Amino acid sequence: MGNPVVHFEIGCRDRAVTQKFYADLFDWDMEAQGPTASIQTGGEGGIDGHITSLGHEPHSYVTFYVVVDELQPYLDKAVEKGGKVLIPPTEIPGDEGAFAWLGDPDGNIVGLWVPGAPAE
C-alpha cells in the first residue's frame, strides 16, 4: 500500500484575504493559529489543511503532505529520481512531528510529514 496524502497547505501573501476567499467559496471552517489558519474541510473522507503567509518566496503555492516513516530516505530517493530538497527535515513545535519539502522534476512542491517524530 502507498503512503497517504494527509494534509494540504495554501501559501499566500495576505492570509486574511486568502482565508476569507476559501471560507466563503467552500464554506470551510478556519481558525487562526499564530501565523497560520487551520482549515477543517468538513468533508466525508476529505483532508484538512492550513493557510500560511511565509513572508518570503514562495508566496503563492499549494502543496500536499504525504505521511512517511522517515524523511531523509524519501528526500534522498527524490534527488536520485531528478527532484531536489527544498526544505530539509524540520521539527514542528509542540511534538507534532517533522516535515520536509521536496521539489519534483517540474518544480512542484511536495511535503513529507512524520507525525510525532523529531527531525532526522
Protein backbone atom coordinates (compact mmCIF):
# COMPACT_ATOMS: atom_id res chain seq x y z
CA MET A 1 0.00 0.00 0.00
CA GLY A 2 1.22 3.51 -0.79
CA ASN A 3 1.81 6.45 1.52
CA PRO A 4 -1.36 8.51 2.12
CA VAL A 5 -1.86 12.21 1.47
CA VAL A 6 -2.82 13.59 4.90
CA HIS A 7 -2.67 17.39 4.77
CA PHE A 8 -2.58 20.32 2.37
CA GLU A 9 -1.18 23.84 2.61
CA ILE A 10 -2.04 27.04 0.76
CA GLY A 11 0.62 29.74 0.72
CA CYS A 12 -0.29 33.37 0.12
CA ARG A 13 0.77 36.98 0.60
CA ASP A 14 -2.25 38.07 2.67
CA ARG A 15 -3.57 35.33 4.96
CA ALA A 16 -6.75 37.20 5.95
CA VAL A 17 -7.80 37.77 2.33
CA THR A 18 -6.99 34.20 1.29
CA GLN A 19 -8.69 32.78 4.38
CA LYS A 20 -11.89 34.71 3.61
CA PHE A 21 -11.81 33.67 -0.05
CA TYR A 22 -11.68 29.93 0.72
CA ALA A 23 -14.08 30.14 3.68
CA ASP A 24 -16.66 31.93 1.52
CA LEU A 25 -16.06 29.77 -1.55
CA PHE A 26 -16.14 26.30 0.05
CA ASP A 27 -17.74 27.01 3.45
CA TRP A 28 -14.62 25.71 5.21
CA ASP A 29 -14.23 26.29 8.94
CA MET A 30 -10.98 28.07 9.80
CA GLU A 31 -9.23 29.03 13.00
CA ALA A 32 -6.23 31.34 13.35
CA GLN A 33 -3.18 29.66 14.85
CA GLY A 34 -0.34 32.16 15.04
CA PRO A 35 0.92 32.87 11.52
CA THR A 36 -1.37 30.23 10.02
CA ALA A 37 -5.05 29.39 9.85
CA SER A 38 -6.10 25.76 10.22
CA ILE A 39 -8.72 24.54 7.74
CA GLN A 40 -11.34 21.95 8.54
CA THR A 41 -12.90 20.97 5.22
CA GLY A 42 -15.68 19.00 6.92
CA GLY A 43 -16.00 16.66 4.01
CA GLU A 44 -16.52 12.93 4.30
CA GLY A 45 -13.15 11.38 3.59
CA GLY A 46 -11.62 14.81 2.99
CA ILE A 47 -8.37 16.03 4.46
CA ASP A 48 -7.74 19.17 6.47
CA GLY A 49 -5.04 21.75 5.88
CA HIS A 50 -3.85 25.25 6.61
CA ILE A 51 -3.18 28.64 5.06
CA THR A 52 0.07 30.43 5.72
CA SER A 53 1.85 33.61 4.72
CA LEU A 54 5.57 32.89 4.89
CA GLY A 55 6.68 36.47 4.31
CA HIS A 56 9.18 35.29 1.68
CA GLU A 57 9.29 33.24 -1.52
CA PRO A 58 7.44 31.18 -2.38
CA HIS A 59 4.49 33.44 -1.62
CA SER A 60 1.82 31.64 -3.60
CA TYR A 61 1.73 27.86 -3.69
CA VAL A 62 -0.45 24.88 -2.98
CA THR A 63 1.13 21.68 -1.76
CA PHE A 64 0.10 18.43 -0.20
CA TYR A 65 1.78 16.40 2.52
CA VAL A 66 2.45 12.68 2.35
CA VAL A 67 2.96 10.76 5.57
CA VAL A 68 6.22 8.78 5.65
CA ASP A 69 8.08 6.81 8.32
CA GLU A 70 11.38 8.71 7.84
CA LEU A 71 12.13 11.92 5.96
CA GLN A 72 15.72 11.58 4.75
CA PRO A 73 15.33 8.33 2.78
CA TYR A 74 12.48 9.86 0.77
CA LEU A 75 14.44 13.07 0.18
CA ASP A 76 17.42 11.02 -1.00
CA LYS A 77 15.19 8.97 -3.30
CA ALA A 78 13.61 12.15 -4.71
CA VAL A 79 17.07 13.52 -5.56
CA GLU A 80 18.01 10.20 -7.22
CA LYS A 81 14.84 10.46 -9.35
CA GLY A 82 15.57 14.03 -10.53
CA GLY A 83 13.96 16.06 -7.76
CA LYS A 84 15.57 18.29 -5.17
CA VAL A 85 15.38 19.08 -1.48
CA LEU A 86 13.70 22.44 -0.87
CA ILE A 87 13.42 22.34 2.94
CA PRO A 88 15.47 19.79 4.89
CA PRO A 89 13.97 17.83 7.81
CA THR A 90 12.49 20.35 10.26
CA GLU A 91 10.79 19.75 13.60
CA ILE A 92 7.27 21.08 14.11
CA PRO A 93 6.82 22.75 17.51
CA GLY A 94 4.55 21.06 20.03
CA ASP A 95 5.66 17.47 19.32
CA GLU A 96 3.58 17.38 16.14
CA GLY A 97 6.36 15.68 14.21
CA ALA A 98 8.71 16.79 11.49
CA PHE A 99 8.38 17.80 7.85
CA ALA A 100 10.45 18.44 4.74
CA TRP A 101 9.71 19.81 1.26
CA LEU A 102 10.95 18.33 -1.97
CA GLY A 103 10.65 19.64 -5.50
CA ASP A 104 9.67 17.23 -8.26
CA PRO A 105 11.40 17.46 -11.67
CA ASP A 106 8.83 20.09 -12.79
CA GLY A 107 9.29 22.21 -9.66
CA ASN A 108 6.08 21.22 -7.85
CA ILE A 109 6.37 21.32 -4.06
CA VAL A 110 5.59 18.12 -2.17
CA GLY A 111 5.60 18.00 1.61
CA LEU A 112 6.68 14.98 3.62
CA TRP A 113 5.47 14.55 7.20
CA VAL A 114 6.43 12.20 10.03
CA PRO A 115 3.82 12.58 12.79
CA GLY A 116 5.12 12.99 16.34
CA ALA A 117 8.78 12.40 15.44
CA PRO A 118 11.90 14.56 15.72
CA ALA A 119 13.58 15.80 12.53
CA GLU A 120 16.18 13.39 11.19
